[in-house]
PDB file of N, CA and C in Angstrom:
ATOM      1  N   MET A   1      15.621   2.682  -8.736  1.00  0.00           N
ATOM      2  CA  MET A   1      14.734   2.449  -7.730  1.00  0.00           C
ATOM      3  C   MET A   1      15.243   1.616  -6.711  1.00  0.00           C
ATOM      4  N   ARG A   2      14.933   1.828  -5.470  1.00  0.00           N
ATOM      5  CA  ARG A   2      15.485   1.155  -4.603  1.00  0.00           C
ATOM      6  C   ARG A   2      14.832  -0.313  -4.209  1.00  0.00           C
ATOM      7  N   LYS A   3      15.982  -1.463  -4.241  1.00  0.00           N
ATOM      8  CA  LYS A   3      15.325  -2.727  -4.044  1.00  0.00           C
ATOM      9  C   LYS A   3      15.188  -3.170  -2.688  1.00  0.00           C
ATOM     10  N   GLY A   4      14.238  -3.944  -2.207  1.00  0.00           N
ATOM     11  CA  GLY A   4      14.027  -4.192  -0.751  1.00  0.00           C
ATOM     12  C   GLY A   4      13.104  -5.460  -0.741  1.00  0.00           C
ATOM     13  N   ARG A   5      12.686  -5.911   0.469  1.00  0.00           N
ATOM     14  CA  ARG A   5      11.510  -7.091   0.770  1.00  0.00           C
ATOM     15  C   ARG A   5      10.342  -6.743   0.721  1.00  0.00           C
ATOM     16  N   VAL A   6       9.940  -7.518   0.255  1.00  0.00           N
ATOM     17  CA  VAL A   6       8.090  -7.112   0.220  1.00  0.00           C
ATOM     18  C   VAL A   6       7.667  -8.312   1.387  1.00  0.00           C
ATOM     19  N   VAL A   7       6.863  -7.815   2.134  1.00  0.00           N
ATOM     20  CA  VAL A   7       6.201  -8.846   3.292  1.00  0.00           C
ATOM     21  C   VAL A   7       4.416  -8.696   2.903  1.00  0.00           C
ATOM     22  N   VAL A   8       3.758  -9.672   2.578  1.00  0.00           N
ATOM     23  CA  VAL A   8       2.401  -9.794   2.339  1.00  0.00           C
ATOM     24  C   VAL A   8       1.745 -10.683   3.302  1.00  0.00           C
ATOM     25  N   LEU A   9       0.859 -10.064   3.988  1.00  0.00           N
ATOM     26  CA  LEU A   9       0.046 -11.097   4.834  1.00  0.00           C
ATOM     27  C   LEU A   9      -1.384 -11.269   4.229  1.00  0.00           C
ATOM     28  N   THR A  10      -1.546 -12.473   4.142  1.00  0.00           N
ATOM     29  CA  THR A  10      -2.993 -12.592   3.258  1.00  0.00           C
ATOM     30  C   THR A  10      -3.605 -13.959   3.886  1.00  0.00           C
ATOM     31  N   ASN A  11      -5.084 -13.940   3.934  1.00  0.00           N
ATOM     32  CA  ASN A  11      -5.794 -15.040   4.123  1.00  0.00           C
ATOM     33  C   ASN A  11      -7.263 -15.057   3.721  1.00  0.00           C
ATOM     34  N   MET A  12      -8.029 -15.850   3.236  1.00  0.00           N
ATOM     35  CA  MET A  12      -9.236 -15.811   3.004  1.00  0.00           C
ATOM     36  C   MET A  12      -9.999 -15.474   3.976  1.00  0.00           C
ATOM     37  N   LYS A  13      -9.855 -15.900   5.193  1.00  0.00           N
ATOM     38  CA  LYS A  13     -10.815 -15.746   6.143  1.00  0.00           C
ATOM     39  C   LYS A  13     -10.704 -14.423   6.874  1.00  0.00           C
ATOM     40  N   GLY A  14     -11.704 -13.763   7.345  1.00  0.00           N
ATOM     41  CA  GLY A  14     -11.703 -12.552   8.048  1.00  0.00           C
ATOM     42  C   GLY A  14     -11.570 -12.769   9.497  1.00  0.00           C
ATOM     43  N   GLY A  15     -10.908 -11.805  10.130  1.00  0.00           N
ATOM     44  CA  GLY A  15     -10.956 -11.818  11.616  1.00  0.00           C
ATOM     45  C   GLY A  15      -9.847 -12.472  11.954  1.00  0.00           C
ATOM     46  N   VAL A  16      -8.649 -12.438  11.161  1.00  0.00           N
ATOM     47  CA  VAL A  16      -7.694 -13.418  11.835  1.00  0.00           C
ATOM     48  C   VAL A  16      -6.312 -12.644  12.196  1.00  0.00           C
ATOM     49  N   GLY A  17      -6.521 -11.379  11.999  1.00  0.00           N
ATOM     50  CA  GLY A  17      -5.502 -10.248  12.506  1.00  0.00           C
ATOM     51  C   GLY A  17      -4.638  -9.741  11.454  1.00  0.00           C
ATOM     52  N   LYS A  18      -5.094 -10.045   9.932  1.00  0.00           N
ATOM     53  CA  LYS A  18      -4.351  -9.595   8.722  1.00  0.00           C
ATOM     54  C   LYS A  18      -3.858  -8.147   9.080  1.00  0.00           C
ATOM     55  N   THR A  19      -4.786  -7.104   9.323  1.00  0.00           N
ATOM     56  CA  THR A  19      -4.615  -5.788   9.331  1.00  0.00           C
ATOM     57  C   THR A  19      -3.804  -5.239  10.568  1.00  0.00           C
ATOM     58  N   THR A  20      -4.377  -5.951  11.456  1.00  0.00           N
ATOM     59  CA  THR A  20      -3.475  -5.467  12.970  1.00  0.00           C
ATOM     60  C   THR A  20      -1.966  -5.961  12.598  1.00  0.00           C
ATOM     61  N   ASP A  21      -1.782  -7.295  12.233  1.00  0.00           N
ATOM     62  CA  ASP A  21      -0.471  -7.875  12.217  1.00  0.00           C
ATOM     63  C   ASP A  21       0.445  -6.939  11.065  1.00  0.00           C
ATOM     64  N   THR A  22      -0.249  -6.675  10.062  1.00  0.00           N
ATOM     65  CA  THR A  22       0.597  -5.841   8.865  1.00  0.00           C
ATOM     66  C   THR A  22       0.962  -4.422   9.488  1.00  0.00           C
ATOM     67  N   ASP A  23      -0.303  -3.742   9.986  1.00  0.00           N
ATOM     68  CA  ASP A  23      -0.007  -2.413  10.719  1.00  0.00           C
ATOM     69  C   ASP A  23       1.212  -2.245  11.597  1.00  0.00           C
ATOM     70  N   LEU A  24       1.282  -3.348  12.681  1.00  0.00           N
ATOM     71  CA  LEU A  24       1.977  -3.266  13.586  1.00  0.00           C
ATOM     72  C   LEU A  24       3.665  -3.707  13.178  1.00  0.00           C
ATOM     73  N   LEU A  25       3.660  -4.534  12.076  1.00  0.00           N
ATOM     74  CA  LEU A  25       4.907  -5.048  11.371  1.00  0.00           C
ATOM     75  C   LEU A  25       5.623  -3.847  10.632  1.00  0.00           C
ATOM     76  N   ALA A  26       4.642  -3.149  10.202  1.00  0.00           N
ATOM     77  CA  ALA A  26       5.366  -1.897   9.406  1.00  0.00           C
ATOM     78  C   ALA A  26       5.870  -0.702  10.396  1.00  0.00           C
ATOM     79  N   ILE A  27       5.001  -0.481  11.429  1.00  0.00           N
ATOM     80  CA  ILE A  27       5.674   0.478  12.382  1.00  0.00           C
ATOM     81  C   ILE A  27       6.810  -0.073  13.240  1.00  0.00           C
ATOM     82  N   THR A  28       6.894  -1.459  13.470  1.00  0.00           N
ATOM     83  CA  THR A  28       7.635  -2.120  14.229  1.00  0.00           C
ATOM     84  C   THR A  28       9.104  -2.092  13.183  1.00  0.00           C
ATOM     85  N   ALA A  29       9.037  -2.284  12.315  1.00  0.00           N
ATOM     86  CA  ALA A  29      10.118  -2.672  11.301  1.00  0.00           C
ATOM     87  C   ALA A  29      10.629  -1.038  10.961  1.00  0.00           C
ATOM     88  N   SER A  30       9.921   0.045  10.837  1.00  0.00           N
ATOM     89  CA  SER A  30      10.506   1.302  10.581  1.00  0.00           C
ATOM     90  C   SER A  30      10.905   1.831  11.842  1.00  0.00           C
ATOM     91  N   LYS A  31      10.729   1.649  13.219  1.00  0.00           N
ATOM     92  CA  LYS A  31      11.168   2.397  14.136  1.00  0.00           C
ATOM     93  C   LYS A  31      12.661   2.574  14.267  1.00  0.00           C
ATOM     94  N   PRO A  32      13.462   3.598  14.532  1.00  0.00           N
ATOM     95  CA  PRO A  32      14.759   3.698  14.401  1.00  0.00           C
ATOM     96  C   PRO A  32      15.232   2.926  15.706  1.00  0.00           C
ATOM     97  N   SER A  33      14.579   2.766  16.749  1.00  0.00           N
ATOM     98  CA  SER A  33      15.239   2.300  17.957  1.00  0.00           C
ATOM     99  C   SER A  33      15.072   0.725  17.875  1.00  0.00           C
ATOM    100  N   LEU A  34      14.455   0.042  16.775  1.00  0.00           N
ATOM    101  CA  LEU A  34      14.317  -1.344  16.619  1.00  0.00           C
ATOM    102  C   LEU A  34      15.185  -1.701  15.495  1.00  0.00           C
ATOM    103  N   PHE A  35      14.300  -1.701  14.346  1.00  0.00           N
ATOM    104  CA  PHE A  35      15.075  -2.559  12.911  1.00  0.00           C
ATOM    105  C   PHE A  35      15.466  -1.182  12.140  1.00  0.00           C
ATOM    106  N   ASN A  36      14.906   0.063  12.220  1.00  0.00           N
ATOM    107  CA  ASN A  36      15.272   1.158  11.520  1.00  0.00           C
ATOM    108  C   ASN A  36      15.304   0.795   9.677  1.00  0.00           C
ATOM    109  N   GLN A  37      14.149   0.043   9.664  1.00  0.00           N
ATOM    110  CA  GLN A  37      14.056  -0.143   8.174  1.00  0.00           C
ATOM    111  C   GLN A  37      13.268   0.980   7.274  1.00  0.00           C
ATOM    112  N   LYS A  38      13.446   1.216   6.144  1.00  0.00           N
ATOM    113  CA  LYS A  38      12.480   2.101   5.423  1.00  0.00           C
ATOM    114  C   LYS A  38      11.295   1.180   4.761  1.00  0.00           C
ATOM    115  N   VAL A  39      10.058   1.782   5.195  1.00  0.00           N
ATOM    116  CA  VAL A  39       8.838   0.948   5.138  1.00  0.00           C
ATOM    117  C   VAL A  39       8.115   1.642   4.104  1.00  0.00           C
ATOM    118  N   LEU A  40       7.236   1.148   3.096  1.00  0.00           N
ATOM    119  CA  LEU A  40       6.405   1.388   2.482  1.00  0.00           C
ATOM    120  C   LEU A  40       4.880   0.522   2.608  1.00  0.00           C
ATOM    121  N   LEU A  41       4.098   1.117   3.600  1.00  0.00           N
ATOM    122  CA  LEU A  41       2.771   0.483   3.821  1.00  0.00           C
ATOM    123  C   LEU A  41       1.713   0.924   2.884  1.00  0.00           C
ATOM    124  N   ILE A  42       1.139  -0.259   2.337  1.00  0.00           N
ATOM    125  CA  ILE A  42       0.144   0.094   1.062  1.00  0.00           C
ATOM    126  C   ILE A  42      -1.292  -0.793   1.850  1.00  0.00           C
ATOM    127  N   ASP A  43      -2.324   0.262   1.551  1.00  0.00           N
ATOM    128  CA  ASP A  43      -3.699  -0.401   2.071  1.00  0.00           C
ATOM    129  C   ASP A  43      -4.306  -0.939   0.852  1.00  0.00           C
ATOM    130  N   VAL A  44      -4.468  -2.115   0.496  1.00  0.00           N
ATOM    131  CA  VAL A  44      -5.204  -2.465  -0.798  1.00  0.00           C
ATOM    132  C   VAL A  44      -6.336  -3.474  -0.149  1.00  0.00           C
ATOM    133  N   ASP A  45      -7.028  -3.476   0.921  1.00  0.00           N
ATOM    134  CA  ASP A  45      -8.114  -4.041   1.477  1.00  0.00           C
ATOM    135  C   ASP A  45      -9.142  -3.296   1.031  1.00  0.00           C
ATOM    136  N   LEU A  46     -10.295  -3.846   0.654  1.00  0.00           N
ATOM    137  CA  LEU A  46     -11.523  -3.491   0.169  1.00  0.00           C
ATOM    138  C   LEU A  46     -12.375  -2.588   1.180  1.00  0.00           C
ATOM    139  N   GLN A  47     -11.924  -2.811   2.472  1.00  0.00           N
ATOM    140  CA  GLN A  47     -12.374  -2.076   3.761  1.00  0.00           C
ATOM    141  C   GLN A  47     -11.665  -0.851   4.171  1.00  0.00           C
ATOM    142  N   ALA A  48     -10.526  -0.848   3.575  1.00  0.00           N
ATOM    143  CA  ALA A  48      -9.611   0.224   4.031  1.00  0.00           C
ATOM    144  C   ALA A  48      -9.150   0.536   5.460  1.00  0.00           C
ATOM    145  N   ASN A  49      -9.260  -0.614   6.257  1.00  0.00           N
ATOM    146  CA  ASN A  49      -8.909  -0.372   7.701  1.00  0.00           C
ATOM    147  C   ASN A  49      -7.498  -0.028   8.037  1.00  0.00           C
ATOM    148  N   THR A  50      -6.652  -0.248   7.369  1.00  0.00           N
ATOM    149  CA  THR A  50      -5.109   0.383   7.604  1.00  0.00           C
ATOM    150  C   THR A  50      -5.415   1.748   7.540  1.00  0.00           C
ATOM    151  N   THR A  51      -6.070   2.188   6.490  1.00  0.00           N
ATOM    152  CA  THR A  51      -5.916   3.637   6.395  1.00  0.00           C
ATOM    153  C   THR A  51      -6.903   4.365   7.404  1.00  0.00           C
ATOM    154  N   SER A  52      -7.858   3.807   7.937  1.00  0.00           N
ATOM    155  CA  SER A  52      -8.466   4.002   9.106  1.00  0.00           C
ATOM    156  C   SER A  52      -7.564   4.358  10.364  1.00  0.00           C
ATOM    157  N   ASN A  53      -6.752   3.075  10.528  1.00  0.00           N
ATOM    158  CA  ASN A  53      -5.819   3.184  11.479  1.00  0.00           C
ATOM    159  C   ASN A  53      -4.806   4.134  11.337  1.00  0.00           C
ATOM    160  N   VAL A  54      -4.354   4.331  10.236  1.00  0.00           N
ATOM    161  CA  VAL A  54      -3.345   5.217  10.108  1.00  0.00           C
ATOM    162  C   VAL A  54      -3.804   6.604  10.487  1.00  0.00           C
ATOM    163  N   LYS A  55      -5.053   6.987  10.063  1.00  0.00           N
ATOM    164  CA  LYS A  55      -5.637   8.379  10.300  1.00  0.00           C
ATOM    165  C   LYS A  55      -5.685   8.720  11.788  1.00  0.00           C
ATOM    166  N   ARG A  56      -6.235   7.525  12.588  1.00  0.00           N
ATOM    167  CA  ARG A  56      -6.242   7.861  13.986  1.00  0.00           C
ATOM    168  C   ARG A  56      -4.790   7.826  14.427  1.00  0.00           C
ATOM    169  N   THR A  57      -3.905   6.789  14.391  1.00  0.00           N
ATOM    170  CA  THR A  57      -2.678   6.803  14.757  1.00  0.00           C
ATOM    171  C   THR A  57      -1.690   7.953  14.640  1.00  0.00           C
ATOM    172  N   PHE A  58      -2.030   8.379  13.304  1.00  0.00           N
ATOM    173  CA  PHE A  58      -1.117   9.509  13.227  1.00  0.00           C
ATOM    174  C   PHE A  58      -1.436  10.694  12.922  1.00  0.00           C
ATOM    175  N   ASN A  59      -2.722  11.073  13.415  1.00  0.00           N
ATOM    176  CA  ASN A  59      -3.565  12.075  13.128  1.00  0.00           C
ATOM    177  C   ASN A  59      -3.714  12.895  11.886  1.00  0.00           C
ATOM    178  N   GLN A  60      -4.049  12.156  10.944  1.00  0.00           N
ATOM    179  CA  GLN A  60      -4.054  12.563   9.549  1.00  0.00           C
ATOM    180  C   GLN A  60      -5.420  12.481   8.947  1.00  0.00           C
ATOM    181  N   ARG A  61      -5.949  13.590   8.246  1.00  0.00           N
ATOM    182  CA  ARG A  61      -7.357  13.606   7.944  1.00  0.00           C
ATOM    183  C   ARG A  61      -7.299  13.050   6.218  1.00  0.00           C
ATOM    184  N   HIS A  62      -6.279  13.452   5.718  1.00  0.00           N
ATOM    185  CA  HIS A  62      -6.372  13.221   4.039  1.00  0.00           C
ATOM    186  C   HIS A  62      -5.176  12.732   3.613  1.00  0.00           C
ATOM    187  N   PHE A  63      -5.178  12.031   2.656  1.00  0.00           N
ATOM    188  CA  PHE A  63      -3.876  11.610   1.827  1.00  0.00           C
ATOM    189  C   PHE A  63      -4.164  11.917   0.312  1.00  0.00           C
ATOM    190  N   PRO A  64      -2.719  12.011  -0.418  1.00  0.00           N
ATOM    191  CA  PRO A  64      -2.710  12.916  -1.659  1.00  0.00           C
ATOM    192  C   PRO A  64      -3.548  11.969  -2.555  1.00  0.00           C
ATOM    193  N   GLN A  65      -3.655  10.744  -2.602  1.00  0.00           N
ATOM    194  CA  GLN A  65      -4.288   9.722  -3.593  1.00  0.00           C
ATOM    195  C   GLN A  65      -4.445   8.450  -3.008  1.00  0.00           C
ATOM    196  N   SER A  66      -5.347   7.680  -3.535  1.00  0.00           N
ATOM    197  CA  SER A  66      -5.508   6.130  -2.833  1.00  0.00           C
ATOM    198  C   SER A  66      -4.690   5.568  -3.917  1.00  0.00           C
ATOM    199  N   PHE A  67      -4.413   3.944  -3.509  1.00  0.00           N
ATOM    200  CA  PHE A  67      -3.829   3.021  -3.997  1.00  0.00           C
ATOM    201  C   PHE A  67      -4.417   2.734  -5.634  1.00  0.00           C
ATOM    202  N   VAL A  68      -5.720   2.833  -5.720  1.00  0.00           N
ATOM    203  CA  VAL A  68      -6.510   2.508  -6.983  1.00  0.00           C
ATOM    204  C   VAL A  68      -6.077   3.756  -7.874  1.00  0.00           C
ATOM    205  N   LYS A  69      -6.321   4.969  -7.461  1.00  0.00           N
ATOM    206  CA  LYS A  69      -6.045   6.248  -8.090  1.00  0.00           C
ATOM    207  C   LYS A  69      -4.589   6.238  -8.658  1.00  0.00           C
ATOM    208  N   ALA A  70      -3.774   5.576  -7.797  1.00  0.00           N
ATOM    209  CA  ALA A  70      -2.389   5.756  -8.214  1.00  0.00           C
ATOM    210  C   ALA A  70      -1.909   4.581  -9.262  1.00  0.00           C
ATOM    211  N   VAL A  71      -2.817   3.421  -9.236  1.00  0.00           N
ATOM    212  CA  VAL A  71      -2.603   2.476 -10.454  1.00  0.00           C
ATOM    213  C   VAL A  71      -3.127   3.094 -11.516  1.00  0.00           C
ATOM    214  N   GLN A  72      -4.326   3.606 -11.600  1.00  0.00           N
ATOM    215  CA  GLN A  72      -4.925   4.384 -12.753  1.00  0.00           C
ATOM    216  C   GLN A  72      -4.206   5.483 -13.377  1.00  0.00           C
ATOM    217  N   SER A  73      -3.219   6.036 -12.433  1.00  0.00           N
ATOM    218  CA  SER A  73      -2.509   7.241 -13.223  1.00  0.00           C
ATOM    219  C   SER A  73      -1.392   6.644 -13.677  1.00  0.00           C
ATOM    220  N   GLY A  74      -0.666   5.296 -13.070  1.00  0.00           N
ATOM    221  CA  GLY A  74       0.124   4.782 -13.804  1.00  0.00           C
ATOM    222  C   GLY A  74       1.383   4.920 -12.993  1.00  0.00           C
ATOM    223  N   THR A  75       1.519   5.672 -11.798  1.00  0.00           N
ATOM    224  CA  THR A  75       2.552   5.860 -10.762  1.00  0.00           C
ATOM    225  C   THR A  75       2.116   5.931  -9.305  1.00  0.00           C
ATOM    226  N   LEU A  76       2.800   5.272  -8.521  1.00  0.00           N
ATOM    227  CA  LEU A  76       2.668   5.334  -7.198  1.00  0.00           C
ATOM    228  C   LEU A  76       3.251   6.578  -6.609  1.00  0.00           C
ATOM    229  N   LYS A  77       4.006   7.216  -7.200  1.00  0.00           N
ATOM    230  CA  LYS A  77       4.958   8.131  -6.696  1.00  0.00           C
ATOM    231  C   LYS A  77       3.901   9.417  -5.999  1.00  0.00           C
ATOM    232  N   ASN A  78       2.843   9.883  -6.703  1.00  0.00           N
ATOM    233  CA  ASN A  78       1.886  10.885  -6.097  1.00  0.00           C
ATOM    234  C   ASN A  78       1.193  10.207  -5.036  1.00  0.00           C
ATOM    235  N   ALA A  79       1.146   9.117  -4.874  1.00  0.00           N
ATOM    236  CA  ALA A  79       0.263   8.526  -3.653  1.00  0.00           C
ATOM    237  C   ALA A  79       0.873   8.394  -2.162  1.00  0.00           C
ATOM    238  N   ILE A  80       2.339   8.341  -2.255  1.00  0.00           N
ATOM    239  CA  ILE A  80       3.183   7.977  -1.141  1.00  0.00           C
ATOM    240  C   ILE A  80       3.258   9.167  -0.265  1.00  0.00           C
ATOM    241  N   PHE A  81       2.692   8.925   0.862  1.00  0.00           N
ATOM    242  CA  PHE A  81       2.718   9.943   2.003  1.00  0.00           C
ATOM    243  C   PHE A  81       3.566   9.728   3.161  1.00  0.00           C
ATOM    244  N   PRO A  82       4.346  10.392   3.578  1.00  0.00           N
ATOM    245  CA  PRO A  82       5.434  10.119   4.702  1.00  0.00           C
ATOM    246  C   PRO A  82       4.723  10.183   5.928  1.00  0.00           C
ATOM    247  N   LEU A  83       4.812   9.280   6.788  1.00  0.00           N
ATOM    248  CA  LEU A  83       4.294   9.413   8.378  1.00  0.00           C
ATOM    249  C   LEU A  83       5.334   9.750   9.228  1.00  0.00           C
ATOM    250  N   THR A  84       6.405   9.032   9.135  1.00  0.00           N
ATOM    251  CA  THR A  84       7.572   9.079   9.824  1.00  0.00           C
ATOM    252  C   THR A  84       8.934   9.413   9.001  1.00  0.00           C
ATOM    253  N   LYS A  85      10.063   9.262   9.610  1.00  0.00           N
ATOM    254  CA  LYS A  85      11.220   9.428   8.701  1.00  0.00           C
ATOM    255  C   LYS A  85      11.308   7.974   7.970  1.00  0.00           C
ATOM    256  N   ASN A  86      10.932   7.009   8.525  1.00  0.00           N
ATOM    257  CA  ASN A  86      11.193   5.402   7.903  1.00  0.00           C
ATOM    258  C   ASN A  86       9.890   4.941   7.356  1.00  0.00           C
ATOM    259  N   LEU A  87       8.561   5.617   7.680  1.00  0.00           N
ATOM    260  CA  LEU A  87       7.522   4.839   7.224  1.00  0.00           C
ATOM    261  C   LEU A  87       6.771   5.784   6.355  1.00  0.00           C
ATOM    262  N   ASP A  88       6.466   5.464   5.116  1.00  0.00           N
ATOM    263  CA  ASP A  88       5.618   5.886   4.198  1.00  0.00           C
ATOM    264  C   ASP A  88       4.265   5.106   3.950  1.00  0.00           C
ATOM    265  N   PHE A  89       3.396   5.648   3.435  1.00  0.00           N
ATOM    266  CA  PHE A  89       2.004   4.917   3.255  1.00  0.00           C
ATOM    267  C   PHE A  89       1.306   5.397   2.076  1.00  0.00           C
ATOM    268  N   ILE A  90       0.692   4.554   1.632  1.00  0.00           N
ATOM    269  CA  ILE A  90      -0.479   4.805   0.358  1.00  0.00           C
ATOM    270  C   ILE A  90      -1.736   4.194   0.808  1.00  0.00           C
ATOM    271  N   ALA A  91      -2.531   5.119   1.041  1.00  0.00           N
ATOM    272  CA  ALA A  91      -3.863   4.990   1.341  1.00  0.00           C
ATOM    273  C   ALA A  91      -4.848   3.850   0.654  1.00  0.00           C
ATOM    274  N   GLY A  92      -5.676   3.182   0.989  1.00  0.00           N
ATOM    275  CA  GLY A  92      -6.659   2.436   0.446  1.00  0.00           C
ATOM    276  C   GLY A  92      -7.856   3.341   0.395  1.00  0.00           C
ATOM    277  N   SER A  93      -8.816   2.678  -0.361  1.00  0.00           N
ATOM    278  CA  SER A  93     -10.215   3.407  -0.607  1.00  0.00           C
ATOM    279  C   SER A  93     -11.352   2.394  -0.805  1.00  0.00           C
ATOM    280  N   ILE A  94     -12.390   2.618  -0.834  1.00  0.00           N
ATOM    281  CA  ILE A  94     -13.591   1.611  -0.692  1.00  0.00           C
ATOM    282  C   ILE A  94     -13.659   1.313  -2.331  1.00  0.00           C
ATOM    283  N   ALA A  95     -12.830   2.125  -3.221  1.00  0.00           N
ATOM    284  CA  ALA A  95     -12.984   1.981  -4.685  1.00  0.00           C
ATOM    285  C   ALA A  95     -11.683   0.838  -4.912  1.00  0.00           C
ATOM    286  N   GLU A  96     -11.362  -0.061  -4.280  1.00  0.00           N
ATOM    287  CA  GLU A  96     -10.559  -1.024  -4.470  1.00  0.00           C
ATOM    288  C   GLU A  96     -10.913  -1.795  -5.513  1.00  0.00           C
ATOM    289  N   HIS A  97     -12.245  -2.235  -5.463  1.00  0.00           N
ATOM    290  CA  HIS A  97     -13.017  -3.251  -6.261  1.00  0.00           C
ATOM    291  C   HIS A  97     -12.400  -2.638  -7.992  1.00  0.00           C
ATOM    292  N   GLU A  98     -12.266  -1.497  -8.242  1.00  0.00           N
ATOM    293  CA  GLU A  98     -12.205  -1.145  -9.578  1.00  0.00           C
ATOM    294  C   GLU A  98     -10.663  -1.499 -10.014  1.00  0.00           C
ATOM    295  N   LEU A  99      -9.820  -2.017  -9.041  1.00  0.00           N
ATOM    296  CA  LEU A  99      -8.426  -2.401  -9.457  1.00  0.00           C
ATOM    297  C   LEU A  99      -8.120  -3.287 -10.311  1.00  0.00           C
ATOM    298  N   THR A 100      -9.089  -4.258 -10.089  1.00  0.00           N
ATOM    299  CA  THR A 100      -9.138  -5.417 -11.115  1.00  0.00           C
ATOM    300  C   THR A 100      -9.092  -5.037 -12.681  1.00  0.00           C
ATOM    301  N   ASP A 101     -10.337  -4.447 -12.724  1.00  0.00           N
ATOM    302  CA  ASP A 101     -10.754  -3.833 -14.221  1.00  0.00           C
ATOM    303  C   ASP A 101      -9.412  -3.063 -14.726  1.00  0.00           C
ATOM    304  N   THR A 102      -9.037  -1.975 -13.856  1.00  0.00           N
ATOM    305  CA  THR A 102      -8.160  -1.297 -14.343  1.00  0.00           C
ATOM    306  C   THR A 102      -6.799  -1.800 -14.953  1.00  0.00           C
ATOM    307  N   ILE A 103      -6.544  -2.652 -14.126  1.00  0.00           N
ATOM    308  CA  ILE A 103      -5.288  -3.529 -14.542  1.00  0.00           C
ATOM    309  C   ILE A 103      -5.244  -4.397 -15.713  1.00  0.00           C
ATOM    310  N   ILE A 104      -6.674  -5.111 -15.991  1.00  0.00           N
ATOM    311  CA  ILE A 104      -6.670  -5.926 -16.953  1.00  0.00           C
ATOM    312  C   ILE A 104      -7.040  -5.073 -18.270  1.00  0.00           C
ATOM    313  N   ASP A 105      -7.651  -3.799 -18.090  1.00  0.00           N
ATOM    314  CA  ASP A 105      -7.887  -2.734 -19.203  1.00  0.00           C
ATOM    315  C   ASP A 105      -6.496  -2.400 -19.861  1.00  0.00           C
ATOM    316  N   ASN A 106      -5.712  -2.267 -18.903  1.00  0.00           N
ATOM    317  CA  ASN A 106      -4.467  -1.591 -19.328  1.00  0.00           C
ATOM    318  C   ASN A 106      -3.355  -2.666 -19.471  1.00  0.00           C
ATOM    319  N   SER A 107      -3.308  -3.740 -19.480  1.00  0.00           N
ATOM    320  CA  SER A 107      -2.352  -4.896 -19.670  1.00  0.00           C
ATOM    321  C   SER A 107      -2.754  -5.529 -21.001  1.00  0.00           C
ATOM    322  N   LYS A 108      -1.524  -5.636 -21.883  1.00  0.00           N
ATOM    323  CA  LYS A 108      -1.408  -6.451 -23.114  1.00  0.00           C
ATOM    324  C   LYS A 108      -1.449  -7.881 -22.969  1.00  0.00           C
ATOM    325  N   SER A 109      -0.854  -8.268 -21.971  1.00  0.00           N
ATOM    326  CA  SER A 109      -1.100  -9.559 -21.537  1.00  0.00           C
ATOM    327  C   SER A 109      -1.159 -10.134 -20.252  1.00  0.00           C
ATOM    328  N   LYS A 110      -1.257 -11.463 -19.690  1.00  0.00           N
ATOM    329  CA  LYS A 110      -1.423 -11.646 -18.414  1.00  0.00           C
ATOM    330  C   LYS A 110      -0.272 -11.602 -17.850  1.00  0.00           C
ATOM    331  N   ARG A 111       0.848 -11.729 -18.165  1.00  0.00           N
ATOM    332  CA  ARG A 111       2.380 -11.026 -17.515  1.00  0.00           C
ATOM    333  C   ARG A 111       2.269  -9.814 -17.256  1.00  0.00           C
ATOM    334  N   ASP A 112       1.847  -8.913 -17.941  1.00  0.00           N
ATOM    335  CA  ASP A 112       1.807  -7.526 -17.722  1.00  0.00           C
ATOM    336  C   ASP A 112       0.827  -7.074 -16.498  1.00  0.00           C
ATOM    337  N   ARG A 113      -0.168  -7.914 -16.265  1.00  0.00           N
ATOM    338  CA  ARG A 113      -0.757  -7.655 -14.875  1.00  0.00           C
ATOM    339  C   ARG A 113       0.212  -7.994 -13.907  1.00  0.00           C
ATOM    340  N   TYR A 114       1.088  -8.529 -13.719  1.00  0.00           N
ATOM    341  CA  TYR A 114       1.902  -8.647 -12.462  1.00  0.00           C
ATOM    342  C   TYR A 114       3.072  -7.654 -12.413  1.00  0.00           C
ATOM    343  N   VAL A 115       3.264  -7.220 -13.689  1.00  0.00           N
ATOM    344  CA  VAL A 115       4.436  -6.258 -13.710  1.00  0.00           C
ATOM    345  C   VAL A 115       4.070  -4.676 -13.788  1.00  0.00           C
ATOM    346  N   ILE A 116       2.874  -4.443 -13.698  1.00  0.00           N
ATOM    347  CA  ILE A 116       2.450  -3.232 -14.013  1.00  0.00           C
ATOM    348  C   ILE A 116       3.132  -1.814 -13.625  1.00  0.00           C
ATOM    349  N   PHE A 117       3.783  -2.193 -12.382  1.00  0.00           N
ATOM    350  CA  PHE A 117       4.763  -1.038 -11.907  1.00  0.00           C
ATOM    351  C   PHE A 117       6.298  -1.272 -12.267  1.00  0.00           C
ATOM    352  N   GLY A 118       6.395  -2.322 -12.816  1.00  0.00           N
ATOM    353  CA  GLY A 118       7.658  -2.816 -13.360  1.00  0.00           C
ATOM    354  C   GLY A 118       8.405  -2.163 -14.498  1.00  0.00           C
ATOM    355  N   LYS A 119       7.547  -1.548 -15.064  1.00  0.00           N
ATOM    356  CA  LYS A 119       7.769  -0.806 -16.585  1.00  0.00           C
ATOM    357  C   LYS A 119       8.042   0.431 -16.291  1.00  0.00           C
ATOM    358  N   ASN A 120       9.228   1.055 -16.806  1.00  0.00           N
ATOM    359  CA  ASN A 120       9.794   2.228 -17.164  1.00  0.00           C
ATOM    360  C   ASN A 120      10.025   2.924 -15.462  1.00  0.00           C
ATOM    361  N   GLY A 121      10.489   2.004 -14.701  1.00  0.00           N
ATOM    362  CA  GLY A 121      10.891   2.369 -13.464  1.00  0.00           C
ATOM    363  C   GLY A 121       9.502   3.118 -12.631  1.00  0.00           C
ATOM    364  N   ARG A 122       8.004   2.931 -12.831  1.00  0.00           N
ATOM    365  CA  ARG A 122       7.136   3.692 -12.259  1.00  0.00           C
ATOM    366  C   ARG A 122       6.857   3.078 -10.918  1.00  0.00           C
TER     367      ARG A 122
END
């Protein structure tokens, strides 16, 4: 598995620009003419606004699997959708509220909840 950096934008208040900033950071970092970084953009928002933005921006109608379905299946591999050479995407869905239950139900300990994809290289 390739090691990299993780950037997470979070704030409890709505309307502060989390989605816009995240989308623009991902696109900017992946641009060959700018930073030329390999980026995986994952939409885990309950509203799936990044997914809507990606659909419009990249003219995509469907994605292979949502983030929740990927967690439920035990691997992210089948949910990764390439948008450009350097930008991959995992779509969100309105079923994101099911994520907490899935993680808790499939974790033997509290620690396991934080490393669900760290096991067996998934």
